[in-house]
Amino acid sequence: MSGVNLITWTLGPVLGVMTLLFILRIILTWYPQVELNRLPFNLIAWPTEPFLVPLRKLVPPIGGVDITPIIWVGIFSLLREILLGQQGLLTMLSRVS
């Protein structure tokens, strides 16, 4: 297994899981009474919060709604497509080698 294949094999699931966690985080914002410090919700909040905190400083809430998880879903989806899609950079590199 080449280095590019190993990176592709690990990066795909990581980007997919992070996208899923941010989608779940968006769903949790619909329920403000949920405590994110309790199980099982902290399993969603813990990996996503380090990404959200710096972006919240740059992007204010719009109409009282925090849109930073939506932005991160877009970023991770774009990264996955650019790197691992049918015409992705790592996909093209793995075909060459």
N, C-alpha and C. Protein backbone atom coordinates (compact mmCIF):
# COMPACT_ATOMS: atom_id res chain seq x y z
N MET A 1 0.86 -1.18 0.00
CA MET A 1 0.00 0.00 0.00
C MET A 1 0.89 1.23 0.00
N SER A 2 0.68 2.10 -0.98
CA SER A 2 1.50 3.30 -1.09
C SER A 2 1.05 4.36 -0.07
N GLY A 3 1.86 5.38 0.07
CA GLY A 3 1.55 6.45 1.01
C GLY A 3 0.28 7.19 0.64
N VAL A 4 0.06 7.41 -0.65
CA VAL A 4 -1.14 8.11 -1.10
C VAL A 4 -2.38 7.29 -0.79
N ASN A 5 -2.30 5.97 -1.02
CA ASN A 5 -3.44 5.10 -0.72
C ASN A 5 -3.74 5.08 0.78
N LEU A 6 -2.69 5.07 1.59
CA LEU A 6 -2.87 5.08 3.04
C LEU A 6 -3.53 6.37 3.51
N ILE A 7 -3.09 7.49 2.96
CA ILE A 7 -3.69 8.78 3.31
C ILE A 7 -5.15 8.81 2.86
N THR A 8 -5.41 8.33 1.65
CA THR A 8 -6.78 8.29 1.15
C THR A 8 -7.66 7.41 2.02
N TRP A 9 -7.13 6.27 2.41
CA TRP A 9 -7.88 5.30 3.21
C TRP A 9 -8.22 5.86 4.59
N THR A 10 -7.35 6.68 5.16
CA THR A 10 -7.62 7.24 6.49
C THR A 10 -8.37 8.57 6.43
N LEU A 11 -8.05 9.38 5.43
CA LEU A 11 -8.64 10.71 5.34
C LEU A 11 -10.13 10.66 4.98
N GLY A 12 -10.53 9.73 4.15
CA GLY A 12 -11.93 9.60 3.75
C GLY A 12 -12.87 9.41 4.92
N PRO A 13 -12.62 8.38 5.76
CA PRO A 13 -13.50 8.20 6.92
C PRO A 13 -13.44 9.36 7.93
N VAL A 14 -12.28 9.96 8.10
CA VAL A 14 -12.17 11.08 9.05
C VAL A 14 -13.03 12.25 8.59
N LEU A 15 -12.92 12.61 7.31
CA LEU A 15 -13.73 13.71 6.79
C LEU A 15 -15.22 13.37 6.83
N GLY A 16 -15.54 12.12 6.55
CA GLY A 16 -16.95 11.70 6.60
C GLY A 16 -17.52 11.75 8.01
N VAL A 17 -16.76 11.30 8.99
CA VAL A 17 -17.21 11.32 10.38
C VAL A 17 -17.35 12.76 10.88
N MET A 18 -16.39 13.60 10.53
CA MET A 18 -16.50 15.00 10.97
C MET A 18 -17.71 15.69 10.34
N THR A 19 -17.99 15.41 9.08
CA THR A 19 -19.19 15.97 8.45
C THR A 19 -20.44 15.51 9.18
N LEU A 20 -20.50 14.22 9.49
CA LEU A 20 -21.64 13.68 10.22
C LEU A 20 -21.78 14.31 11.60
N LEU A 21 -20.67 14.49 12.31
CA LEU A 21 -20.73 15.12 13.63
C LEU A 21 -21.25 16.55 13.55
N PHE A 22 -20.84 17.28 12.53
CA PHE A 22 -21.33 18.65 12.39
C PHE A 22 -22.81 18.67 12.02
N ILE A 23 -23.26 17.72 11.22
CA ILE A 23 -24.70 17.63 10.92
C ILE A 23 -25.48 17.33 12.19
N LEU A 24 -24.97 16.41 13.02
CA LEU A 24 -25.62 16.13 14.30
C LEU A 24 -25.60 17.35 15.21
N ARG A 25 -24.52 18.11 15.15
CA ARG A 25 -24.42 19.34 15.95
C ARG A 25 -25.47 20.35 15.51
N ILE A 26 -25.72 20.43 14.20
CA ILE A 26 -26.77 21.32 13.69
C ILE A 26 -28.12 20.88 14.24
N ILE A 27 -28.38 19.58 14.23
CA ILE A 27 -29.66 19.06 14.75
C ILE A 27 -29.78 19.37 16.24
N LEU A 28 -28.69 19.26 16.99
CA LEU A 28 -28.74 19.56 18.43
C LEU A 28 -29.04 21.03 18.71
N THR A 29 -28.73 21.92 17.77
CA THR A 29 -29.05 23.33 18.01
C THR A 29 -30.55 23.57 17.98
N TRP A 30 -31.31 22.65 17.43
CA TRP A 30 -32.77 22.78 17.43
C TRP A 30 -33.34 22.51 18.81
N TYR A 31 -32.56 21.92 19.68
CA TYR A 31 -33.00 21.57 21.03
C TYR A 31 -32.11 22.28 22.05
N PRO A 32 -32.40 23.54 22.39
CA PRO A 32 -31.52 24.29 23.29
C PRO A 32 -31.48 23.74 24.71
N GLN A 33 -32.45 22.92 25.10
CA GLN A 33 -32.47 22.38 26.45
C GLN A 33 -31.47 21.23 26.63
N VAL A 34 -30.89 20.73 25.55
CA VAL A 34 -29.93 19.62 25.62
C VAL A 34 -28.63 20.12 26.23
N GLU A 35 -28.13 19.39 27.22
CA GLU A 35 -26.86 19.73 27.85
C GLU A 35 -25.74 19.03 27.09
N LEU A 36 -24.87 19.81 26.47
CA LEU A 36 -23.80 19.24 25.67
C LEU A 36 -22.67 18.65 26.51
N ASN A 37 -22.73 18.82 27.82
CA ASN A 37 -21.69 18.27 28.69
C ASN A 37 -22.05 16.89 29.23
N ARG A 38 -23.17 16.33 28.80
CA ARG A 38 -23.60 15.01 29.27
C ARG A 38 -23.58 14.01 28.12
N LEU A 39 -23.34 12.76 28.50
CA LEU A 39 -23.39 11.69 27.51
C LEU A 39 -24.80 11.56 26.96
N PRO A 40 -25.03 11.23 25.78
CA PRO A 40 -24.14 10.98 24.65
C PRO A 40 -23.82 12.24 23.86
N PHE A 41 -24.38 13.38 24.30
CA PHE A 41 -24.22 14.61 23.52
C PHE A 41 -22.80 15.15 23.54
N ASN A 42 -22.05 14.87 24.60
CA ASN A 42 -20.67 15.36 24.64
C ASN A 42 -19.79 14.63 23.62
N LEU A 43 -20.22 13.45 23.15
CA LEU A 43 -19.48 12.75 22.10
C LEU A 43 -19.59 13.48 20.77
N ILE A 44 -20.61 14.30 20.63
CA ILE A 44 -20.78 15.13 19.44
C ILE A 44 -20.10 16.48 19.65
N ALA A 45 -20.26 17.04 20.85
CA ALA A 45 -19.74 18.38 21.12
C ALA A 45 -18.23 18.40 21.26
N TRP A 46 -17.65 17.38 21.88
CA TRP A 46 -16.21 17.40 22.16
C TRP A 46 -15.35 17.52 20.90
N PRO A 47 -15.57 16.72 19.85
CA PRO A 47 -14.70 16.87 18.67
C PRO A 47 -15.03 18.08 17.80
N THR A 48 -16.22 18.64 17.89
CA THR A 48 -16.59 19.74 17.02
C THR A 48 -16.30 21.12 17.62
N GLU A 49 -16.30 21.22 18.91
CA GLU A 49 -16.15 22.53 19.57
C GLU A 49 -14.83 23.24 19.22
N PRO A 50 -13.68 22.53 19.15
CA PRO A 50 -12.44 23.25 18.78
C PRO A 50 -12.50 23.90 17.40
N PHE A 51 -13.32 23.39 16.50
CA PHE A 51 -13.48 24.01 15.20
C PHE A 51 -14.43 25.21 15.26
N LEU A 52 -15.43 25.11 16.11
CA LEU A 52 -16.47 26.14 16.16
C LEU A 52 -16.03 27.40 16.88
N VAL A 53 -15.23 27.28 17.93
CA VAL A 53 -14.86 28.43 18.75
C VAL A 53 -14.16 29.52 17.94
N PRO A 54 -13.10 29.20 17.17
CA PRO A 54 -12.45 30.30 16.42
C PRO A 54 -13.35 30.89 15.33
N LEU A 55 -14.17 30.06 14.70
CA LEU A 55 -15.03 30.57 13.64
C LEU A 55 -16.15 31.44 14.20
N ARG A 56 -16.59 31.17 15.41
CA ARG A 56 -17.63 32.00 16.04
C ARG A 56 -17.12 33.42 16.28
N LYS A 57 -15.80 33.58 16.45
CA LYS A 57 -15.23 34.92 16.64
C LYS A 57 -15.28 35.72 15.34
N LEU A 58 -15.26 35.01 14.20
CA LEU A 58 -15.27 35.67 12.90
C LEU A 58 -16.67 35.85 12.32
N VAL A 59 -17.55 34.88 12.58
CA VAL A 59 -18.89 34.89 12.00
C VAL A 59 -19.92 35.05 13.12
N PRO A 60 -20.56 36.21 13.18
CA PRO A 60 -21.57 36.40 14.23
C PRO A 60 -22.85 35.62 13.90
N PRO A 61 -23.66 35.34 14.91
CA PRO A 61 -24.94 34.68 14.64
C PRO A 61 -25.82 35.55 13.74
N ILE A 62 -26.53 34.89 12.86
CA ILE A 62 -27.43 35.60 11.95
C ILE A 62 -28.85 35.37 12.45
N GLY A 63 -29.50 36.42 12.88
CA GLY A 63 -30.85 36.31 13.42
C GLY A 63 -30.91 35.45 14.67
N GLY A 64 -29.82 35.44 15.44
CA GLY A 64 -29.77 34.64 16.66
C GLY A 64 -29.43 33.18 16.41
N VAL A 65 -29.09 32.82 15.17
CA VAL A 65 -28.79 31.43 14.84
C VAL A 65 -27.29 31.31 14.55
N ASP A 66 -26.66 30.37 15.23
CA ASP A 66 -25.24 30.09 15.02
C ASP A 66 -25.09 29.27 13.74
N ILE A 67 -24.47 29.87 12.72
CA ILE A 67 -24.34 29.18 11.43
C ILE A 67 -22.97 28.53 11.25
N THR A 68 -22.12 28.58 12.26
CA THR A 68 -20.77 28.03 12.10
C THR A 68 -20.76 26.52 11.84
N PRO A 69 -21.65 25.70 12.43
CA PRO A 69 -21.63 24.29 12.05
C PRO A 69 -21.97 24.07 10.58
N ILE A 70 -22.83 24.90 10.03
CA ILE A 70 -23.19 24.78 8.61
C ILE A 70 -21.98 25.10 7.74
N ILE A 71 -21.22 26.11 8.14
CA ILE A 71 -20.01 26.47 7.40
C ILE A 71 -19.02 25.31 7.42
N TRP A 72 -18.86 24.66 8.58
CA TRP A 72 -17.91 23.55 8.66
C TRP A 72 -18.36 22.33 7.87
N VAL A 73 -19.66 22.09 7.78
CA VAL A 73 -20.15 21.01 6.92
C VAL A 73 -19.73 21.29 5.48
N GLY A 74 -19.88 22.53 5.06
CA GLY A 74 -19.47 22.91 3.71
C GLY A 74 -17.98 22.77 3.49
N ILE A 75 -17.19 23.17 4.47
CA ILE A 75 -15.73 23.08 4.35
C ILE A 75 -15.28 21.62 4.26
N PHE A 76 -15.79 20.77 5.15
CA PHE A 76 -15.38 19.37 5.13
C PHE A 76 -15.88 18.65 3.89
N SER A 77 -17.07 18.99 3.41
CA SER A 77 -17.58 18.39 2.18
C SER A 77 -16.74 18.82 0.99
N LEU A 78 -16.37 20.09 0.95
CA LEU A 78 -15.53 20.59 -0.14
C LEU A 78 -14.15 19.92 -0.11
N LEU A 79 -13.55 19.82 1.06
CA LEU A 79 -12.25 19.16 1.18
C LEU A 79 -12.32 17.71 0.72
N ARG A 80 -13.37 17.03 1.12
CA ARG A 80 -13.52 15.62 0.72
C ARG A 80 -13.64 15.50 -0.80
N GLU A 81 -14.39 16.39 -1.40
CA GLU A 81 -14.56 16.34 -2.85
C GLU A 81 -13.27 16.70 -3.57
N ILE A 82 -12.57 17.74 -3.11
CA ILE A 82 -11.33 18.16 -3.76
C ILE A 82 -10.24 17.10 -3.63
N LEU A 83 -10.17 16.45 -2.50
CA LEU A 83 -9.10 15.47 -2.27
C LEU A 83 -9.47 14.06 -2.71
N LEU A 84 -10.72 13.65 -2.47
CA LEU A 84 -11.08 12.24 -2.63
C LEU A 84 -12.17 11.98 -3.65
N GLY A 85 -12.71 13.00 -4.28
CA GLY A 85 -13.77 12.81 -5.27
C GLY A 85 -13.25 12.10 -6.51
N GLN A 86 -14.11 11.90 -7.51
CA GLN A 86 -13.71 11.20 -8.72
C GLN A 86 -12.56 11.89 -9.43
N GLN A 87 -12.52 13.21 -9.38
CA GLN A 87 -11.42 13.98 -9.97
C GLN A 87 -10.55 14.61 -8.88
N GLY A 88 -10.58 14.03 -7.68
CA GLY A 88 -9.83 14.59 -6.56
C GLY A 88 -8.34 14.44 -6.71
N LEU A 89 -7.62 15.28 -6.01
CA LEU A 89 -6.15 15.27 -6.10
C LEU A 89 -5.55 13.93 -5.68
N LEU A 90 -5.97 13.42 -4.54
CA LEU A 90 -5.40 12.15 -4.06
C LEU A 90 -5.87 10.99 -4.92
N THR A 91 -7.07 11.06 -5.45
CA THR A 91 -7.56 10.02 -6.35
C THR A 91 -6.73 9.98 -7.61
N MET A 92 -6.43 11.13 -8.16
CA MET A 92 -5.60 11.20 -9.37
C MET A 92 -4.18 10.71 -9.09
N LEU A 93 -3.63 11.08 -7.94
CA LEU A 93 -2.28 10.60 -7.58
C LEU A 93 -2.23 9.10 -7.41
N SER A 94 -3.27 8.51 -6.84
CA SER A 94 -3.27 7.06 -6.63
C SER A 94 -3.39 6.32 -7.96
N ARG A 95 -4.01 6.93 -8.97
CA ARG A 95 -4.11 6.29 -10.30
C ARG A 95 -2.78 6.34 -11.03
N VAL A 96 -2.01 7.39 -10.80
CA VAL A 96 -0.71 7.54 -11.47
C VAL A 96 0.30 6.56 -10.92
N SER A 97 0.30 6.39 -9.60
CA SER A 97 1.32 5.52 -8.99
C SER A 97 0.91 4.08 -8.92
